[in-house]
């Protein structure tokens, strides 16, 4: 038996023999998410965000994620995401934008949780000069019940 396979076999045996941790059930839990995309001419942009919270007798656990992308055939495209963790509050924001001369597409998603309220909003916009801009907003908000 090769040394790598021996190490892998020993690792699997160790994991199989170790006692598992029992997961605690959530007293209150929720997830939210929103996302969207916009395109015009040779540009496109999309963003999304998601957050989840589980409240137990021992405390609250939350997670958050966000991301986006932008593309263009000839212009400039950029996408940036920022996540802020301040104690029991999590916030994430993603902005994606593509511009080609006067034509553009952009998408922005803001997502947050504070352990009892979860919120996610996405706004998109696209525009071709001389035409009416296309806009859309999606929102999901959950307020967890008190214990």
C-alpha atoms as a PDB file:
ATOM      1  CA  UNK A   1       0.000   0.000   0.000  1.00  0.00           C
ATOM      2  CA  UNK A   2       1.396   3.409  -0.901  1.00  0.00           C
ATOM      3  CA  UNK A   3       2.050   5.841   2.012  1.00  0.00           C
ATOM      4  CA  UNK A   4      -0.615   8.304   0.740  1.00  0.00           C
ATOM      5  CA  UNK A   5      -3.289   5.589   0.638  1.00  0.00           C
ATOM      6  CA  UNK A   6      -2.289   4.419   4.128  1.00  0.00           C
ATOM      7  CA  UNK A   7      -2.700   7.953   5.493  1.00  0.00           C
ATOM      8  CA  UNK A   8      -6.072   8.321   3.756  1.00  0.00           C
ATOM      9  CA  UNK A   9      -7.284   4.966   5.132  1.00  0.00           C
ATOM     10  CA  UNK A  10      -6.152   5.883   8.657  1.00  0.00           C
ATOM     11  CA  UNK A  11      -7.902   9.258   8.408  1.00  0.00           C
ATOM     12  CA  UNK A  12     -11.176   7.649   7.309  1.00  0.00           C
ATOM     13  CA  UNK A  13     -10.972   5.108  10.146  1.00  0.00           C
ATOM     14  CA  UNK A  14     -10.352   7.874  12.676  1.00  0.00           C
ATOM     15  CA  UNK A  15     -13.311   9.921  11.407  1.00  0.00           C
ATOM     16  CA  UNK A  16     -15.595   6.885  11.433  1.00  0.00           C
ATOM     17  CA  UNK A  17     -14.666   6.028  15.027  1.00  0.00           C
ATOM     18  CA  UNK A  18     -14.954   9.538  16.514  1.00  0.00           C
ATOM     19  CA  UNK A  19     -18.131  10.431  18.343  1.00  0.00           C
ATOM     20  CA  UNK A  20     -20.405  12.877  16.555  1.00  0.00           C
ATOM     21  CA  UNK A  21     -21.679  16.158  17.877  1.00  0.00           C
ATOM     22  CA  UNK A  22     -25.432  16.341  18.203  1.00  0.00           C
ATOM     23  CA  UNK A  23     -26.832  19.395  16.471  1.00  0.00           C
ATOM     24  CA  UNK A  24     -29.144  21.562  18.498  1.00  0.00           C
ATOM     25  CA  UNK A  25     -32.514  22.339  16.949  1.00  0.00           C
ATOM     26  CA  UNK A  26     -33.381  25.919  16.128  1.00  0.00           C
ATOM     27  CA  UNK A  27     -36.116  27.578  18.191  1.00  0.00           C
ATOM     28  CA  UNK A  28     -36.564  30.042  15.328  1.00  0.00           C
ATOM     29  CA  UNK A  29     -34.868  30.043  11.940  1.00  0.00           C
ATOM     30  CA  UNK A  30     -35.129  31.803   8.599  1.00  0.00           C
ATOM     31  CA  UNK A  31     -33.414  32.392   5.297  1.00  0.00           C
ATOM     32  CA  UNK A  32     -33.776  35.157   2.741  1.00  0.00           C
ATOM     33  CA  UNK A  33     -32.290  35.821  -0.627  1.00  0.00           C
ATOM     34  CA  UNK A  34     -32.676  38.052  -3.628  1.00  0.00           C
ATOM     35  CA  UNK A  35     -30.953  38.438  -6.943  1.00  0.00           C
ATOM     36  CA  UNK A  36     -31.353  39.925 -10.352  1.00  0.00           C
ATOM     37  CA  UNK A  37     -29.719  40.710 -13.639  1.00  0.00           C
ATOM     38  CA  UNK A  38     -29.920  43.456 -16.235  1.00  0.00           C
ATOM     39  CA  UNK A  39     -28.715  43.614 -19.812  1.00  0.00           C
ATOM     40  CA  UNK A  40     -28.705  46.195 -22.571  1.00  0.00           C
ATOM     41  CA  UNK A  41     -26.763  46.316 -25.809  1.00  0.00           C
ATOM     42  CA  UNK A  42     -23.485  44.539 -25.226  1.00  0.00           C
ATOM     43  CA  UNK A  43     -23.570  44.920 -21.423  1.00  0.00           C
ATOM     44  CA  UNK A  44     -24.868  42.757 -18.583  1.00  0.00           C
ATOM     45  CA  UNK A  45     -24.706  42.803 -14.790  1.00  0.00           C
ATOM     46  CA  UNK A  46     -26.061  40.542 -12.053  1.00  0.00           C
ATOM     47  CA  UNK A  47     -25.935  40.315  -8.270  1.00  0.00           C
ATOM     48  CA  UNK A  48     -27.366  38.179  -5.501  1.00  0.00           C
ATOM     49  CA  UNK A  49     -27.341  37.852  -1.744  1.00  0.00           C
ATOM     50  CA  UNK A  50     -28.504  35.362   0.859  1.00  0.00           C
ATOM     51  CA  UNK A  51     -28.628  35.243   4.665  1.00  0.00           C
ATOM     52  CA  UNK A  52     -29.709  32.698   7.245  1.00  0.00           C
ATOM     53  CA  UNK A  53     -30.221  32.692  11.012  1.00  0.00           C
ATOM     54  CA  UNK A  54     -30.771  29.946  13.593  1.00  0.00           C
ATOM     55  CA  UNK A  55     -31.737  30.893  17.146  1.00  0.00           C
ATOM     56  CA  UNK A  56     -31.200  28.271  19.887  1.00  0.00           C
ATOM     57  CA  UNK A  57     -31.230  28.291  23.689  1.00  0.00           C
ATOM     58  CA  UNK A  58     -27.449  28.812  23.554  1.00  0.00           C
ATOM     59  CA  UNK A  59     -27.538  31.813  21.211  1.00  0.00           C
ATOM     60  CA  UNK A  60     -27.925  32.832  17.600  1.00  0.00           C
ATOM     61  CA  UNK A  61     -25.903  31.728  14.596  1.00  0.00           C
ATOM     62  CA  UNK A  62     -26.107  33.618  11.308  1.00  0.00           C
ATOM     63  CA  UNK A  63     -24.501  33.425   7.892  1.00  0.00           C
ATOM     64  CA  UNK A  64     -24.446  35.747   4.898  1.00  0.00           C
ATOM     65  CA  UNK A  65     -23.172  35.634   1.342  1.00  0.00           C
ATOM     66  CA  UNK A  66     -23.229  37.923  -1.663  1.00  0.00           C
ATOM     67  CA  UNK A  67     -21.683  38.127  -5.107  1.00  0.00           C
ATOM     68  CA  UNK A  68     -22.086  39.437  -8.608  1.00  0.00           C
ATOM     69  CA  UNK A  69     -20.618  39.797 -12.043  1.00  0.00           C
ATOM     70  CA  UNK A  70     -20.609  42.206 -14.973  1.00  0.00           C
ATOM     71  CA  UNK A  71     -19.564  41.890 -18.594  1.00  0.00           C
ATOM     72  CA  UNK A  72     -19.345  44.050 -21.693  1.00  0.00           C
ATOM     73  CA  UNK A  73     -18.150  43.569 -25.244  1.00  0.00           C
ATOM     74  CA  UNK A  74     -16.235  46.851 -25.599  1.00  0.00           C
ATOM     75  CA  UNK A  75     -16.662  49.018 -22.496  1.00  0.00           C
ATOM     76  CA  UNK A  76     -15.756  48.689 -18.824  1.00  0.00           C
ATOM     77  CA  UNK A  77     -17.163  46.231 -16.311  1.00  0.00           C
ATOM     78  CA  UNK A  78     -16.696  45.977 -12.563  1.00  0.00           C
ATOM     79  CA  UNK A  79     -18.132  44.053  -9.650  1.00  0.00           C
ATOM     80  CA  UNK A  80     -17.425  44.544  -5.963  1.00  0.00           C
ATOM     81  CA  UNK A  81     -18.708  42.959  -2.775  1.00  0.00           C
ATOM     82  CA  UNK A  82     -18.372  44.163   0.801  1.00  0.00           C
ATOM     83  CA  UNK A  83     -19.306  42.151   3.896  1.00  0.00           C
ATOM     84  CA  UNK A  84     -19.479  43.770   7.330  1.00  0.00           C
ATOM     85  CA  UNK A  85     -19.578  41.770  10.584  1.00  0.00           C
ATOM     86  CA  UNK A  86     -20.337  43.874  13.652  1.00  0.00           C
ATOM     87  CA  UNK A  87     -21.129  41.479  16.484  1.00  0.00           C
ATOM     88  CA  UNK A  88     -24.573  40.003  15.983  1.00  0.00           C
ATOM     89  CA  UNK A  89     -25.231  42.027  12.818  1.00  0.00           C
ATOM     90  CA  UNK A  90     -24.118  40.932   9.360  1.00  0.00           C
ATOM     91  CA  UNK A  91     -24.407  43.122   6.263  1.00  0.00           C
ATOM     92  CA  UNK A  92     -23.363  42.449   2.678  1.00  0.00           C
ATOM     93  CA  UNK A  93     -23.577  44.583  -0.433  1.00  0.00           C
ATOM     94  CA  UNK A  94     -22.674  43.733  -4.013  1.00  0.00           C
ATOM     95  CA  UNK A  95     -22.565  46.212  -6.887  1.00  0.00           C
ATOM     96  CA  UNK A  96     -22.022  45.148 -10.482  1.00  0.00           C
ATOM     97  CA  UNK A  97     -21.950  47.515 -13.448  1.00  0.00           C
ATOM     98  CA  UNK A  98     -21.063  47.363 -17.126  1.00  0.00           C
ATOM     99  CA  UNK A  99     -20.824  50.468 -19.337  1.00  0.00           C
ATOM    100  CA  UNK A 100     -20.263  50.730 -23.077  1.00  0.00           C
ATOM    101  CA  UNK A 101     -20.423  54.354 -24.219  1.00  0.00           C
ATOM    102  CA  UNK A 102     -23.947  55.478 -23.162  1.00  0.00           C
ATOM    103  CA  UNK A 103     -25.347  51.968 -22.760  1.00  0.00           C
ATOM    104  CA  UNK A 104     -25.162  50.454 -19.286  1.00  0.00           C
ATOM    105  CA  UNK A 105     -26.427  47.676 -17.044  1.00  0.00           C
ATOM    106  CA  UNK A 106     -26.167  47.617 -13.272  1.00  0.00           C
ATOM    107  CA  UNK A 107     -27.315  45.493 -10.375  1.00  0.00           C
ATOM    108  CA  UNK A 108     -27.035  46.078  -6.609  1.00  0.00           C
ATOM    109  CA  UNK A 109     -27.960  43.684  -3.807  1.00  0.00           C
ATOM    110  CA  UNK A 110     -28.054  44.580  -0.102  1.00  0.00           C
ATOM    111  CA  UNK A 111     -28.524  41.772   2.414  1.00  0.00           C
ATOM    112  CA  UNK A 112     -28.539  41.912   6.218  1.00  0.00           C
ATOM    113  CA  UNK A 113     -29.409  40.026   9.376  1.00  0.00           C
ATOM    114  CA  UNK A 114     -29.340  41.043  13.023  1.00  0.00           C
ATOM    115  CA  UNK A 115     -30.448  37.715  14.479  1.00  0.00           C
ATOM    116  CA  UNK A 116     -34.165  38.530  14.425  1.00  0.00           C
ATOM    117  CA  UNK A 117     -34.710  40.321  11.101  1.00  0.00           C
ATOM    118  CA  UNK A 118     -33.413  39.102   7.743  1.00  0.00           C
ATOM    119  CA  UNK A 119     -33.634  41.337   4.679  1.00  0.00           C
ATOM    120  CA  UNK A 120     -32.409  41.156   1.091  1.00  0.00           C
ATOM    121  CA  UNK A 121     -33.108  43.662  -1.701  1.00  0.00           C
ATOM    122  CA  UNK A 122     -31.878  43.678  -5.288  1.00  0.00           C
ATOM    123  CA  UNK A 123     -32.254  46.612  -7.675  1.00  0.00           C
ATOM    124  CA  UNK A 124     -31.395  46.367 -11.359  1.00  0.00           C
ATOM    125  CA  UNK A 125     -31.328  48.913 -14.147  1.00  0.00           C
ATOM    126  CA  UNK A 126     -30.380  48.902 -17.804  1.00  0.00           C
ATOM    127  CA  UNK A 127     -30.394  51.691 -20.354  1.00  0.00           C
ATOM    128  CA  UNK A 128     -29.753  52.279 -24.036  1.00  0.00           C
ATOM    129  CA  UNK A 129     -29.537  55.959 -25.075  1.00  0.00           C
ATOM    130  CA  UNK A 130     -32.794  57.142 -26.614  1.00  0.00           C
ATOM    131  CA  UNK A 131     -34.852  54.386 -24.961  1.00  0.00           C
ATOM    132  CA  UNK A 132     -36.722  54.171 -21.657  1.00  0.00           C
ATOM    133  CA  UNK A 133     -34.570  52.646 -18.859  1.00  0.00           C
ATOM    134  CA  UNK A 134     -35.515  49.207 -17.586  1.00  0.00           C
ATOM    135  CA  UNK A 135     -35.762  48.936 -13.779  1.00  0.00           C
ATOM    136  CA  UNK A 136     -36.678  46.178 -11.355  1.00  0.00           C
ATOM    137  CA  UNK A 137     -36.629  45.690  -7.562  1.00  0.00           C
ATOM    138  CA  UNK A 138     -36.988  42.448  -5.607  1.00  0.00           C
ATOM    139  CA  UNK A 139     -37.160  42.266  -1.824  1.00  0.00           C
ATOM    140  CA  UNK A 140     -37.533  39.543   0.777  1.00  0.00           C
ATOM    141  CA  UNK A 141     -37.841  40.285   4.488  1.00  0.00           C
ATOM    142  CA  UNK A 142     -38.465  37.965   7.433  1.00  0.00           C
ATOM    143  CA  UNK A 143     -38.929  38.858  11.087  1.00  0.00           C
ATOM    144  CA  UNK A 144     -38.392  35.863  13.356  1.00  0.00           C
ATOM    145  CA  UNK A 145     -40.917  35.318  16.182  1.00  0.00           C
ATOM    146  CA  UNK A 146     -39.841  36.146  19.723  1.00  0.00           C
ATOM    147  CA  UNK A 147     -38.876  33.205  21.914  1.00  0.00           C
END
